[in-house]
Amino acid sequence: MTITLYGIANCDTVRKARAWLADQGVAYTFHDFARQGVPPERLDRWLASPVRDKLLNRQGTTWRKLGADAQSQAEDPHAARALMLSQPSVIKRPVVEWSDGEVTVGFDPARWTVRKNA
């Protein structure tokens, strides 16, 4: 299994993460939500994992632009899944599937250094 980084190409955090991986010489595959969409089967896997609570980015612009009704509906897991599929920019980025199967959300250079050296 290879490392796959999921995100949006023009996201600053995704750019930083991609640059960090390149600087570290870590090979990875990039999946662009904006061009390729959110793979439903991957999203289901993430939602069934410990990162579930980190996936919905309640700090981002897309979330803030949602109405109060949509935000409150997103508390329901099925509605949150539908929202993430229809508006991928509401997913916290990057989502990384590491070669050992672990999934992380967000860019954390210190944690990634430990993962890279494991």
N, C-alpha and C. Protein backbone atom coordinates (compact mmCIF):
# COMPACT_ATOMS: atom_id res chain seq x y z
N MET A 1 0.85 -1.19 0.00
CA MET A 1 0.00 0.00 0.00
C MET A 1 0.89 1.24 0.00
N THR A 2 0.54 2.21 -0.81
CA THR A 2 1.31 3.44 -0.87
C THR A 2 0.61 4.53 -0.06
N ILE A 3 1.31 5.63 0.13
CA ILE A 3 0.73 6.76 0.83
C ILE A 3 -0.14 7.53 -0.15
N THR A 4 -1.35 7.85 0.28
CA THR A 4 -2.24 8.67 -0.54
C THR A 4 -2.63 9.90 0.26
N LEU A 5 -2.43 11.06 -0.32
CA LEU A 5 -2.80 12.32 0.29
C LEU A 5 -4.03 12.85 -0.45
N TYR A 6 -5.09 13.07 0.30
CA TYR A 6 -6.35 13.58 -0.25
C TYR A 6 -6.51 15.02 0.15
N GLY A 7 -6.94 15.84 -0.80
CA GLY A 7 -7.17 17.24 -0.48
C GLY A 7 -7.56 18.03 -1.71
N ILE A 8 -7.36 19.32 -1.63
CA ILE A 8 -7.65 20.23 -2.73
C ILE A 8 -6.35 20.93 -3.07
N ALA A 9 -5.98 20.90 -4.35
CA ALA A 9 -4.66 21.38 -4.77
C ALA A 9 -4.36 22.82 -4.37
N ASN A 10 -5.35 23.69 -4.38
CA ASN A 10 -5.06 25.08 -4.07
C ASN A 10 -5.21 25.43 -2.59
N CYS A 11 -5.40 24.43 -1.74
CA CYS A 11 -5.48 24.63 -0.29
C CYS A 11 -4.06 24.86 0.25
N ASP A 12 -3.87 25.92 1.01
CA ASP A 12 -2.54 26.24 1.55
C ASP A 12 -1.97 25.10 2.39
N THR A 13 -2.79 24.49 3.22
CA THR A 13 -2.31 23.41 4.08
C THR A 13 -1.91 22.19 3.25
N VAL A 14 -2.66 21.90 2.22
CA VAL A 14 -2.33 20.78 1.34
C VAL A 14 -1.02 21.08 0.61
N ARG A 15 -0.85 22.31 0.17
CA ARG A 15 0.41 22.68 -0.50
C ARG A 15 1.60 22.50 0.44
N LYS A 16 1.44 22.93 1.69
CA LYS A 16 2.52 22.76 2.68
C LYS A 16 2.81 21.28 2.90
N ALA A 17 1.77 20.49 3.02
CA ALA A 17 1.94 19.05 3.25
C ALA A 17 2.64 18.39 2.06
N ARG A 18 2.24 18.75 0.87
CA ARG A 18 2.86 18.17 -0.33
C ARG A 18 4.33 18.58 -0.43
N ALA A 19 4.62 19.84 -0.12
CA ALA A 19 6.00 20.32 -0.16
C ALA A 19 6.84 19.59 0.89
N TRP A 20 6.26 19.39 2.07
CA TRP A 20 6.98 18.69 3.14
C TRP A 20 7.31 17.27 2.70
N LEU A 21 6.33 16.57 2.15
CA LEU A 21 6.57 15.19 1.69
C LEU A 21 7.66 15.17 0.62
N ALA A 22 7.61 16.10 -0.32
CA ALA A 22 8.62 16.16 -1.37
C ALA A 22 10.01 16.45 -0.78
N ASP A 23 10.08 17.39 0.16
CA ASP A 23 11.35 17.73 0.80
C ASP A 23 11.94 16.54 1.56
N GLN A 24 11.07 15.70 2.11
CA GLN A 24 11.50 14.53 2.87
C GLN A 24 11.78 13.32 1.98
N GLY A 25 11.48 13.46 0.68
CA GLY A 25 11.70 12.36 -0.24
C GLY A 25 10.70 11.24 -0.09
N VAL A 26 9.50 11.58 0.39
CA VAL A 26 8.46 10.57 0.60
C VAL A 26 7.57 10.50 -0.64
N ALA A 27 7.49 9.33 -1.23
CA ALA A 27 6.64 9.13 -2.41
C ALA A 27 5.18 9.01 -1.95
N TYR A 28 4.29 9.61 -2.71
CA TYR A 28 2.87 9.57 -2.37
C TYR A 28 2.06 9.79 -3.64
N THR A 29 0.79 9.46 -3.54
CA THR A 29 -0.17 9.73 -4.61
C THR A 29 -1.09 10.83 -4.10
N PHE A 30 -1.41 11.77 -4.97
CA PHE A 30 -2.30 12.87 -4.59
C PHE A 30 -3.66 12.67 -5.24
N HIS A 31 -4.71 12.77 -4.43
CA HIS A 31 -6.09 12.68 -4.91
C HIS A 31 -6.74 14.04 -4.65
N ASP A 32 -7.09 14.73 -5.73
CA ASP A 32 -7.66 16.07 -5.64
C ASP A 32 -9.19 15.99 -5.57
N PHE A 33 -9.73 16.37 -4.41
CA PHE A 33 -11.18 16.35 -4.24
C PHE A 33 -11.89 17.21 -5.28
N ALA A 34 -11.29 18.33 -5.64
CA ALA A 34 -11.94 19.25 -6.57
C ALA A 34 -12.05 18.65 -7.98
N ARG A 35 -11.05 17.89 -8.38
CA ARG A 35 -11.06 17.31 -9.73
C ARG A 35 -11.61 15.89 -9.76
N GLN A 36 -11.33 15.12 -8.71
CA GLN A 36 -11.68 13.71 -8.73
C GLN A 36 -12.84 13.35 -7.80
N GLY A 37 -13.28 14.31 -7.01
CA GLY A 37 -14.36 14.05 -6.07
C GLY A 37 -13.88 13.30 -4.85
N VAL A 38 -14.78 13.11 -3.93
CA VAL A 38 -14.49 12.35 -2.71
C VAL A 38 -14.91 10.91 -2.97
N PRO A 39 -13.98 9.97 -2.87
CA PRO A 39 -14.36 8.57 -3.08
C PRO A 39 -15.27 8.10 -1.95
N PRO A 40 -16.52 7.78 -2.24
CA PRO A 40 -17.47 7.39 -1.19
C PRO A 40 -16.98 6.25 -0.31
N GLU A 41 -16.32 5.26 -0.90
CA GLU A 41 -15.85 4.11 -0.11
C GLU A 41 -14.73 4.52 0.85
N ARG A 42 -13.90 5.47 0.43
CA ARG A 42 -12.83 5.97 1.32
C ARG A 42 -13.45 6.79 2.44
N LEU A 43 -14.41 7.65 2.10
CA LEU A 43 -15.07 8.47 3.11
C LEU A 43 -15.73 7.57 4.15
N ASP A 44 -16.37 6.51 3.71
CA ASP A 44 -16.99 5.57 4.66
C ASP A 44 -15.95 4.96 5.59
N ARG A 45 -14.79 4.64 5.05
CA ARG A 45 -13.71 4.08 5.87
C ARG A 45 -13.25 5.11 6.90
N TRP A 46 -13.07 6.36 6.46
CA TRP A 46 -12.63 7.41 7.38
C TRP A 46 -13.67 7.65 8.47
N LEU A 47 -14.94 7.64 8.08
CA LEU A 47 -16.01 7.88 9.05
C LEU A 47 -16.14 6.73 10.06
N ALA A 48 -15.63 5.57 9.71
CA ALA A 48 -15.67 4.42 10.62
C ALA A 48 -14.39 4.31 11.45
N SER A 49 -13.48 5.28 11.30
CA SER A 49 -12.20 5.23 11.99
C SER A 49 -12.12 6.27 13.10
N PRO A 50 -11.05 6.26 13.87
CA PRO A 50 -10.90 7.24 14.95
C PRO A 50 -10.83 8.70 14.47
N VAL A 51 -10.53 8.94 13.20
CA VAL A 51 -10.44 10.33 12.71
C VAL A 51 -11.80 10.94 12.39
N ARG A 52 -12.84 10.16 12.55
CA ARG A 52 -14.22 10.57 12.22
C ARG A 52 -14.54 11.98 12.72
N ASP A 53 -14.21 12.26 13.97
CA ASP A 53 -14.58 13.54 14.57
C ASP A 53 -13.75 14.72 14.06
N LYS A 54 -12.65 14.43 13.36
CA LYS A 54 -11.80 15.49 12.84
C LYS A 54 -12.13 15.84 11.39
N LEU A 55 -12.89 15.01 10.71
CA LEU A 55 -13.11 15.19 9.27
C LEU A 55 -13.89 16.44 8.91
N LEU A 56 -14.92 16.74 9.64
CA LEU A 56 -15.77 17.87 9.31
C LEU A 56 -15.11 19.14 9.83
N ASN A 57 -14.69 19.99 8.90
CA ASN A 57 -13.95 21.21 9.26
C ASN A 57 -14.92 22.33 9.62
N ARG A 58 -15.16 22.48 10.90
CA ARG A 58 -16.10 23.49 11.38
C ARG A 58 -15.46 24.87 11.50
N GLN A 59 -14.19 24.99 11.13
CA GLN A 59 -13.49 26.28 11.19
C GLN A 59 -13.35 26.93 9.82
N GLY A 60 -13.63 26.18 8.76
CA GLY A 60 -13.38 26.65 7.41
C GLY A 60 -14.46 27.56 6.86
N THR A 61 -14.12 28.21 5.76
CA THR A 61 -15.01 29.14 5.08
C THR A 61 -16.29 28.46 4.61
N THR A 62 -16.17 27.26 4.05
CA THR A 62 -17.35 26.56 3.55
C THR A 62 -18.34 26.32 4.68
N TRP A 63 -17.85 25.89 5.83
CA TRP A 63 -18.73 25.65 6.98
C TRP A 63 -19.41 26.94 7.41
N ARG A 64 -18.64 28.01 7.49
CA ARG A 64 -19.20 29.29 7.94
C ARG A 64 -20.26 29.82 6.97
N LYS A 65 -20.14 29.48 5.71
CA LYS A 65 -21.12 29.94 4.71
C LYS A 65 -22.41 29.12 4.73
N LEU A 66 -22.36 27.96 5.37
CA LEU A 66 -23.58 27.15 5.48
C LEU A 66 -24.56 27.84 6.41
N GLY A 67 -25.80 27.65 6.16
CA GLY A 67 -26.81 28.18 7.07
C GLY A 67 -26.83 27.39 8.37
N ALA A 68 -27.44 27.97 9.38
CA ALA A 68 -27.53 27.31 10.68
C ALA A 68 -28.24 25.97 10.57
N ASP A 69 -29.25 25.88 9.71
CA ASP A 69 -29.97 24.61 9.54
C ASP A 69 -29.04 23.53 9.01
N ALA A 70 -28.26 23.85 7.99
CA ALA A 70 -27.35 22.86 7.41
C ALA A 70 -26.29 22.46 8.42
N GLN A 71 -25.80 23.42 9.19
CA GLN A 71 -24.80 23.10 10.21
C GLN A 71 -25.37 22.16 11.27
N SER A 72 -26.58 22.43 11.71
CA SER A 72 -27.17 21.57 12.74
C SER A 72 -27.51 20.19 12.17
N GLN A 73 -27.93 20.13 10.92
CA GLN A 73 -28.22 18.84 10.29
C GLN A 73 -26.96 17.99 10.16
N ALA A 74 -25.81 18.65 10.00
CA ALA A 74 -24.55 17.93 9.82
C ALA A 74 -24.12 17.19 11.08
N GLU A 75 -24.82 17.42 12.18
CA GLU A 75 -24.52 16.66 13.40
C GLU A 75 -24.95 15.20 13.24
N ASP A 76 -25.90 14.95 12.34
CA ASP A 76 -26.31 13.59 12.01
C ASP A 76 -25.26 12.98 11.09
N PRO A 77 -24.73 11.79 11.41
CA PRO A 77 -23.67 11.19 10.59
C PRO A 77 -24.02 11.03 9.11
N HIS A 78 -25.27 10.68 8.81
CA HIS A 78 -25.65 10.50 7.41
C HIS A 78 -25.69 11.85 6.68
N ALA A 79 -26.17 12.88 7.35
CA ALA A 79 -26.19 14.21 6.75
C ALA A 79 -24.78 14.75 6.59
N ALA A 80 -23.91 14.48 7.56
CA ALA A 80 -22.51 14.93 7.46
C ALA A 80 -21.83 14.26 6.26
N ARG A 81 -22.09 12.96 6.08
CA ARG A 81 -21.51 12.24 4.94
C ARG A 81 -21.99 12.85 3.63
N ALA A 82 -23.28 13.10 3.53
CA ALA A 82 -23.84 13.70 2.31
C ALA A 82 -23.23 15.07 2.06
N LEU A 83 -23.05 15.85 3.10
CA LEU A 83 -22.45 17.18 2.96
C LEU A 83 -21.02 17.07 2.46
N MET A 84 -20.24 16.15 3.02
CA MET A 84 -18.85 15.99 2.60
C MET A 84 -18.74 15.52 1.16
N LEU A 85 -19.67 14.69 0.73
CA LEU A 85 -19.66 14.24 -0.66
C LEU A 85 -20.05 15.37 -1.62
N SER A 86 -21.01 16.19 -1.21
CA SER A 86 -21.48 17.26 -2.11
C SER A 86 -20.60 18.51 -2.06
N GLN A 87 -19.95 18.75 -0.92
CA GLN A 87 -19.09 19.92 -0.77
C GLN A 87 -17.76 19.50 -0.13
N PRO A 88 -16.87 18.94 -0.93
CA PRO A 88 -15.61 18.41 -0.39
C PRO A 88 -14.78 19.42 0.38
N SER A 89 -14.97 20.71 0.12
CA SER A 89 -14.17 21.70 0.83
C SER A 89 -14.52 21.80 2.30
N VAL A 90 -15.57 21.11 2.73
CA VAL A 90 -15.92 21.08 4.15
C VAL A 90 -15.13 20.00 4.91
N ILE A 91 -14.34 19.21 4.18
CA ILE A 91 -13.50 18.19 4.80
C ILE A 91 -12.17 18.84 5.20
N LYS A 92 -11.75 18.60 6.44
CA LYS A 92 -10.46 19.11 6.91
C LYS A 92 -9.37 18.42 6.11
N ARG A 93 -8.39 19.19 5.72
CA ARG A 93 -7.35 18.68 4.83
C ARG A 93 -5.97 18.90 5.44
N PRO A 94 -5.04 18.05 4.96
CA PRO A 94 -5.21 16.88 4.12
C PRO A 94 -5.65 15.65 4.93
N VAL A 95 -6.24 14.72 4.22
CA VAL A 95 -6.49 13.39 4.78
C VAL A 95 -5.41 12.51 4.16
N VAL A 96 -4.70 11.78 5.00
CA VAL A 96 -3.61 10.94 4.50
C VAL A 96 -3.86 9.50 4.92
N GLU A 97 -3.79 8.62 3.95
CA GLU A 97 -3.79 7.18 4.21
C GLU A 97 -2.34 6.73 4.09
N TRP A 98 -1.78 6.35 5.23
CA TRP A 98 -0.38 5.95 5.29
C TRP A 98 -0.22 4.51 4.82
N SER A 99 1.00 4.14 4.52
CA SER A 99 1.26 2.81 3.96
C SER A 99 0.87 1.68 4.91
N ASP A 100 0.80 1.96 6.22
CA ASP A 100 0.40 0.91 7.17
C ASP A 100 -1.11 0.87 7.39
N GLY A 101 -1.85 1.73 6.67
CA GLY A 101 -3.31 1.74 6.79
C GLY A 101 -3.86 2.80 7.73
N GLU A 102 -2.99 3.42 8.54
CA GLU A 102 -3.47 4.48 9.44
C GLU A 102 -3.92 5.68 8.61
N VAL A 103 -4.92 6.37 9.13
CA VAL A 103 -5.44 7.58 8.48
C VAL A 103 -5.23 8.75 9.43
N THR A 104 -4.70 9.85 8.89
CA THR A 104 -4.55 11.07 9.68
C THR A 104 -5.27 12.20 8.96
N VAL A 105 -5.66 13.21 9.74
CA VAL A 105 -6.34 14.38 9.19
C VAL A 105 -5.57 15.61 9.64
N GLY A 106 -5.27 16.48 8.70
CA GLY A 106 -4.51 17.69 9.00
C GLY A 106 -3.03 17.46 8.80
N PHE A 107 -2.29 18.57 8.77
CA PHE A 107 -0.84 18.52 8.55
C PHE A 107 -0.14 18.77 9.87
N ASP A 108 0.63 17.79 10.32
CA ASP A 108 1.37 17.87 11.57
C ASP A 108 2.79 17.37 11.31
N PRO A 109 3.73 18.28 10.97
CA PRO A 109 5.09 17.85 10.61
C PRO A 109 5.77 16.99 11.67
N ALA A 110 5.56 17.30 12.95
CA ALA A 110 6.21 16.51 14.00
C ALA A 110 5.69 15.07 13.97
N ARG A 111 4.41 14.90 13.88
CA ARG A 111 3.82 13.55 13.84
C ARG A 111 4.21 12.84 12.55
N TRP A 112 4.22 13.59 11.45
CA TRP A 112 4.57 12.98 10.18
C TRP A 112 6.03 12.52 10.17
N THR A 113 6.90 13.24 10.85
CA THR A 113 8.31 12.83 10.92
C THR A 113 8.43 11.48 11.60
N VAL A 114 7.69 11.30 12.68
CA VAL A 114 7.69 10.03 13.39
C VAL A 114 7.14 8.94 12.47
N ARG A 115 6.05 9.21 11.75
CA ARG A 115 5.45 8.23 10.83
C ARG A 115 6.44 7.86 9.72
N LYS A 116 7.08 8.87 9.18
CA LYS A 116 8.02 8.65 8.06
C LYS A 116 9.18 7.77 8.50
N ASN A 117 9.60 7.94 9.74
CA ASN A 117 10.76 7.18 10.24
C ASN A 117 10.38 5.85 10.85
N ALA A 118 9.11 5.55 10.92
CA ALA A 118 8.66 4.28 11.53
C ALA A 118 8.89 3.11 10.59
